[in-house]
Protein backbone atom coordinates (compact mmCIF):
# COMPACT_ATOMS: atom_id res chain seq x y z
CA MET A 1 -16.75 69.65 -58.29
CA GLU A 2 -14.04 67.63 -56.54
CA ASN A 3 -11.63 69.42 -54.23
CA LEU A 4 -8.53 70.48 -56.17
CA ARG A 5 -6.33 68.92 -53.50
CA ARG A 6 -8.06 65.57 -53.95
CA GLN A 7 -7.49 65.84 -57.71
CA ALA A 8 -3.80 66.35 -56.98
CA LEU A 9 -3.73 63.15 -54.92
CA VAL A 10 -5.41 61.16 -57.72
CA LEU A 11 -2.80 62.37 -60.19
CA LEU A 12 0.02 61.66 -57.74
CA LEU A 13 -1.13 58.03 -57.60
CA THR A 14 -1.38 57.76 -61.41
CA PRO A 15 1.39 55.41 -62.64
CA SER A 16 1.47 56.48 -66.29
CA PRO A 17 3.90 59.39 -66.80
CA ASP A 18 2.01 60.57 -69.88
CA ALA A 19 -1.39 60.49 -68.13
CA LYS A 20 0.06 62.14 -65.03
CA ALA A 21 1.62 64.97 -67.04
CA GLU A 22 -1.45 65.51 -69.21
CA GLY A 23 -3.83 65.44 -66.24
CA THR A 24 -1.66 67.80 -64.24
CA ARG A 25 -1.51 70.33 -67.05
CA ALA A 26 -5.32 70.18 -67.26
CA LEU A 27 -5.75 71.18 -63.58
CA ASP A 28 -7.36 74.56 -63.02
CA PRO A 29 -5.58 76.30 -60.11
CA GLN A 30 -8.66 78.51 -59.63
CA ALA A 31 -11.05 75.56 -59.18
CA MET A 32 -12.81 74.69 -55.90
CA LEU A 33 -10.36 74.36 -53.04
CA ASP A 34 -10.86 73.06 -49.49
CA ALA A 35 -7.65 73.90 -47.68
CA ASP A 36 -8.75 72.24 -44.43
CA GLU A 37 -9.69 68.80 -45.77
CA VAL A 38 -7.44 66.17 -44.19
CA PHE A 39 -6.73 63.03 -46.21
CA SER A 40 -5.75 59.61 -44.92
CA GLU A 41 -2.46 58.21 -46.19
CA PRO A 42 -3.32 56.00 -49.19
CA ALA A 43 -2.75 52.28 -48.78
CA CYS A 44 -0.95 52.07 -52.13
CA VAL A 45 2.64 53.07 -52.79
CA ILE A 46 3.23 56.80 -53.34
CA PRO A 47 3.91 58.09 -55.93
CA GLY A 48 2.37 56.19 -58.80
CA ARG A 49 5.15 55.42 -61.25
CA PRO A 50 5.79 53.07 -64.18
CA VAL A 51 7.81 49.86 -64.00
CA LYS A 52 10.58 51.60 -65.92
CA PRO A 53 12.91 53.38 -65.45
CA GLU A 54 14.72 51.03 -63.11
CA LEU A 55 15.76 52.95 -59.98
CA LEU A 56 19.37 52.62 -58.83
CA SER A 57 21.57 54.46 -56.37
CA HIS A 58 23.11 57.64 -57.73
CA THR A 59 26.59 56.10 -57.67
CA ALA A 60 25.46 53.04 -59.67
CA LEU A 61 24.36 55.04 -62.71
CA LYS A 62 26.55 54.92 -65.80
CA GLN A 63 28.23 58.13 -66.91
CA ARG A 64 28.13 58.58 -70.68
CA SER A 65 29.74 61.12 -72.96
CA VAL A 66 27.24 63.57 -74.47
CA GLY A 67 29.37 63.37 -77.60
CA THR A 68 27.48 60.18 -78.46
CA LEU A 69 23.78 59.95 -79.30
CA GLU A 70 23.21 57.51 -76.45
CA GLY A 71 25.08 59.75 -74.02
CA ARG A 72 23.05 62.79 -75.02
CA ALA A 73 19.83 60.80 -74.73
CA GLY A 74 20.95 59.55 -71.31
CA LEU A 75 21.42 63.11 -70.08
CA LEU A 76 18.03 64.18 -71.43
CA HIS A 77 16.47 61.11 -69.83
CA ALA A 78 17.98 62.05 -66.47
CA LEU A 79 16.48 65.53 -66.81
CA ALA A 80 13.09 64.06 -67.78
CA HIS A 81 13.19 61.86 -64.68
CA ILE A 82 13.91 64.88 -62.51
CA GLU A 83 10.92 66.65 -64.01
CA PHE A 84 8.71 63.56 -63.54
CA ASN A 85 9.68 63.54 -59.86
CA ALA A 86 9.09 67.28 -59.69
CA ILE A 87 5.48 66.79 -60.84
CA ASN A 88 5.02 64.30 -58.01
CA LEU A 89 6.65 66.61 -55.48
CA ALA A 90 4.35 69.51 -56.33
CA LEU A 91 1.25 67.30 -56.30
CA ASP A 92 2.29 65.77 -52.99
CA ILE A 93 2.75 69.11 -51.22
CA VAL A 94 -0.75 70.14 -52.35
CA TRP A 95 -2.69 67.16 -50.97
CA ARG A 96 -0.57 66.28 -47.95
CA PHE A 97 -0.42 69.48 -45.92
CA ALA A 98 -3.78 70.89 -44.84
CA GLY A 99 -4.61 74.26 -43.30
CA MET A 100 -2.40 76.55 -45.37
CA PRO A 101 -3.62 79.73 -47.13
CA ALA A 102 -5.37 79.15 -50.46
CA ASP A 103 -2.51 80.85 -52.32
CA PHE A 104 -0.15 78.12 -51.10
CA TYR A 105 -2.07 75.39 -52.92
CA ARG A 106 -2.77 77.44 -56.02
CA GLN A 107 0.90 78.41 -56.41
CA TRP A 108 2.09 74.83 -56.06
CA LEU A 109 -0.49 73.67 -58.59
CA VAL A 110 0.97 76.19 -61.06
CA VAL A 111 4.39 74.69 -60.28
CA ALA A 112 3.03 71.18 -60.92
CA ARG A 113 1.62 72.24 -64.30
CA GLU A 114 4.94 73.77 -65.37
CA GLU A 115 6.87 70.68 -64.23
CA ALA A 116 4.47 68.59 -66.35
CA LEU A 117 5.24 70.77 -69.37
CA HIS A 118 8.98 70.36 -68.78
CA PHE A 119 8.57 66.58 -68.66
CA GLN A 120 6.60 66.60 -71.90
CA LEU A 121 9.17 68.77 -73.68
CA LEU A 122 12.01 66.45 -72.69
CA ARG A 123 9.99 63.28 -73.38
CA ASP A 124 9.05 64.50 -76.84
CA HIS A 125 12.61 65.50 -77.66
CA LEU A 126 13.87 62.11 -76.52
CA LEU A 127 11.45 60.49 -78.96
CA THR A 128 12.99 62.44 -81.85
CA LEU A 129 16.33 60.86 -80.90
CA GLY A 130 14.89 57.35 -80.94
CA PHE A 131 14.53 56.89 -77.17
CA GLN A 132 11.70 57.10 -74.68
CA TYR A 133 11.29 57.74 -70.98
CA GLY A 134 12.16 54.50 -69.18
CA ASP A 135 14.96 53.44 -71.53
CA PHE A 136 17.68 54.34 -69.01
CA ALA A 137 18.06 53.66 -65.29
CA ALA A 138 17.52 56.59 -62.91
CA HIS A 139 17.91 57.51 -59.23
CA ASN A 140 15.25 58.60 -56.75
CA ALA A 141 17.02 61.14 -54.53
CA LEU A 142 14.38 63.85 -54.94
CA TRP A 143 11.54 61.61 -53.83
CA GLU A 144 13.61 60.12 -50.99
CA MET A 145 13.86 63.61 -49.46
CA ALA A 146 10.11 64.05 -49.91
CA GLU A 147 9.61 60.85 -47.89
CA LYS A 148 11.92 62.06 -45.13
CA THR A 149 10.08 65.38 -44.81
CA LYS A 150 6.47 64.27 -45.19
CA GLY A 151 5.78 64.97 -41.51
CA ASP A 152 6.97 68.59 -41.50
CA LEU A 153 6.04 71.16 -44.13
CA LEU A 154 8.82 73.53 -43.04
CA ALA A 155 11.42 70.83 -43.67
CA ARG A 156 9.79 69.98 -46.99
CA VAL A 157 10.00 73.50 -48.41
CA ALA A 158 13.47 74.04 -46.94
CA LEU A 159 15.03 70.88 -48.32
CA VAL A 160 13.20 70.09 -51.57
CA PRO A 161 12.59 73.33 -53.55
CA ARG A 162 15.21 75.42 -51.72
CA THR A 163 17.92 72.74 -51.71
CA LEU A 164 17.57 69.88 -54.17
CA GLU A 165 15.60 71.76 -56.84
CA ALA A 166 17.74 74.87 -56.39
CA ARG A 167 20.74 72.77 -57.38
CA GLY A 168 19.15 72.63 -60.81
CA LEU A 169 19.62 76.41 -61.06
CA ASP A 170 23.33 75.89 -60.49
CA ALA A 171 23.63 73.00 -62.94
CA SER A 172 21.64 74.51 -65.83
CA PRO A 173 24.41 76.62 -67.48
CA ALA A 174 26.83 73.67 -67.67
CA VAL A 175 24.13 71.26 -68.86
CA LYS A 176 23.02 73.67 -71.58
CA ALA A 177 26.63 74.19 -72.69
CA LYS A 178 27.15 70.42 -72.98
CA LEU A 179 24.03 69.91 -75.06
CA ILE A 180 24.68 72.83 -77.38
CA GLY A 181 28.31 71.76 -77.67
CA ALA A 182 27.01 68.40 -78.87
CA GLY A 183 24.97 70.20 -81.53
CA ASP A 184 21.57 69.85 -79.85
CA LEU A 185 20.15 73.35 -80.11
CA ARG A 186 16.60 72.17 -79.37
CA ALA A 187 17.71 70.70 -76.05
CA GLY A 188 19.44 73.98 -75.22
CA ALA A 189 16.20 75.87 -75.84
CA ILE A 190 14.33 73.45 -73.56
CA ILE A 191 16.87 74.06 -70.79
CA ASP A 192 16.19 77.80 -71.14
CA VAL A 193 12.46 77.21 -70.58
CA ILE A 194 13.13 74.98 -67.58
CA LEU A 195 15.57 77.43 -65.97
CA ARG A 196 13.15 80.33 -66.41
CA ASP A 197 10.34 78.41 -64.72
CA GLU A 198 12.50 76.79 -62.05
CA ILE A 199 13.59 80.21 -60.80
CA GLY A 200 9.91 80.81 -60.07
CA HIS A 201 9.50 77.41 -58.41
CA VAL A 202 12.43 77.97 -56.08
CA ALA A 203 11.09 81.47 -55.36
CA THR A 204 7.80 79.85 -54.31
CA GLY A 205 9.76 77.60 -51.95
CA ASN A 206 11.63 80.58 -50.54
CA HIS A 207 8.41 82.54 -49.97
CA TRP A 208 6.67 79.77 -48.05
CA TYR A 209 9.80 78.81 -46.13
CA ARG A 210 10.02 82.34 -44.76
CA TRP A 211 6.25 82.46 -44.15
CA LEU A 212 6.41 79.26 -42.11
CA CYS A 213 9.49 80.44 -40.21
CA ALA A 214 7.62 83.63 -39.29
CA GLN A 215 4.59 81.59 -38.15
CA ARG A 216 6.83 79.48 -35.89
CA GLY A 217 8.98 82.35 -34.63
CA LEU A 218 12.13 81.00 -36.29
CA GLU A 219 14.99 82.85 -37.97
CA PRO A 220 15.30 81.50 -41.55
CA VAL A 221 19.08 81.59 -41.99
CA VAL A 222 19.76 80.01 -38.59
CA THR A 223 17.03 77.39 -39.01
CA TYR A 224 18.12 76.09 -42.40
CA PRO A 225 21.35 74.28 -41.38
CA LEU A 226 19.53 72.73 -38.42
CA LEU A 227 16.92 71.24 -40.75
CA ALA A 228 19.58 70.17 -43.24
CA ALA A 229 21.46 68.29 -40.50
CA GLN A 230 18.29 66.77 -39.00
CA TYR A 231 17.09 65.34 -42.33
CA GLY A 232 20.45 64.52 -43.90
CA ALA A 233 20.30 66.98 -46.78
CA PRO A 234 23.29 66.98 -49.13
CA ARG A 235 25.97 69.55 -48.39
CA MET A 236 25.74 72.73 -50.45
CA LYS A 237 28.58 72.86 -52.94
CA GLY A 238 29.37 75.05 -55.91
CA PRO A 239 29.67 76.32 -58.45
CA PHE A 240 26.55 78.35 -57.66
CA ASN A 241 24.42 80.24 -60.14
CA PHE A 242 24.20 83.35 -57.97
CA GLU A 243 22.29 85.33 -60.57
CA ALA A 244 19.53 82.71 -60.74
CA ARG A 245 19.53 82.23 -56.98
CA ARG A 246 19.08 85.97 -56.42
CA ALA A 247 16.22 85.97 -58.91
CA ALA A 248 14.72 83.06 -56.95
CA GLY A 249 14.73 85.10 -53.74
CA PHE A 250 17.82 83.96 -51.87
CA THR A 251 19.14 86.78 -49.70
CA GLU A 252 22.73 88.05 -49.76
CA GLU A 253 23.15 86.58 -46.26
CA GLU A 254 22.11 83.18 -47.53
CA LEU A 255 24.34 83.42 -50.58
CA ALA A 256 27.27 84.33 -48.37
CA SER A 257 26.62 81.25 -46.24
CA PHE A 258 26.88 79.08 -49.37
CA ARG A 259 30.35 80.44 -50.04
CA SER A 260 31.63 79.66 -46.56
């Protein structure tokens, strides 16, 4: 049986969002795993992605009112794109970084499978509204940070799950309120599923961030702003979902630093 990490790389390179999501959900986190296998960087562009959506800068994207059908679909499309990128992020961390404990890879494969489910839920709901993934432009900020941190696993877990993905914990209550306020109860229920799972994903990032800091003799709270400055991470700004962040394993010291 093929190494689970190699399977993750194959799926990462898969351009079809539907095939990527379906294949990722079919992965067995308990299958054969060679943590020490080192892969060469593929010659093709990473990650595999479809021609659409068109990728623009964050500031170039149109802001639409969720009071319209198109505006609501645009918001759901933006969330689906985040989840599509999140599948790629979890697959990438599995194949790229060799020599970690087996639990590291198995936990991130569980994350990848849940991100794939989130994408499918949003994609399917978009279809009921008459739209599909790719109908709106999107931005690529999540993957851009993955590119910046591909040479350092500590930076990757500090600045992707613990920073960019953790911002989703903060945004979820307002996004859910907008969608329910627009009468979309199904979308609100999907946001509940995503928030529940994303707390676990950020917790996985927190666990391995602290594990890596301990391995390198670094103090986690002191190290974080140094990494954020080195790699140009966005500044932390509220409002913060402190309840969700506590559930995801952020310490009171860290939460206090967000307030300052």
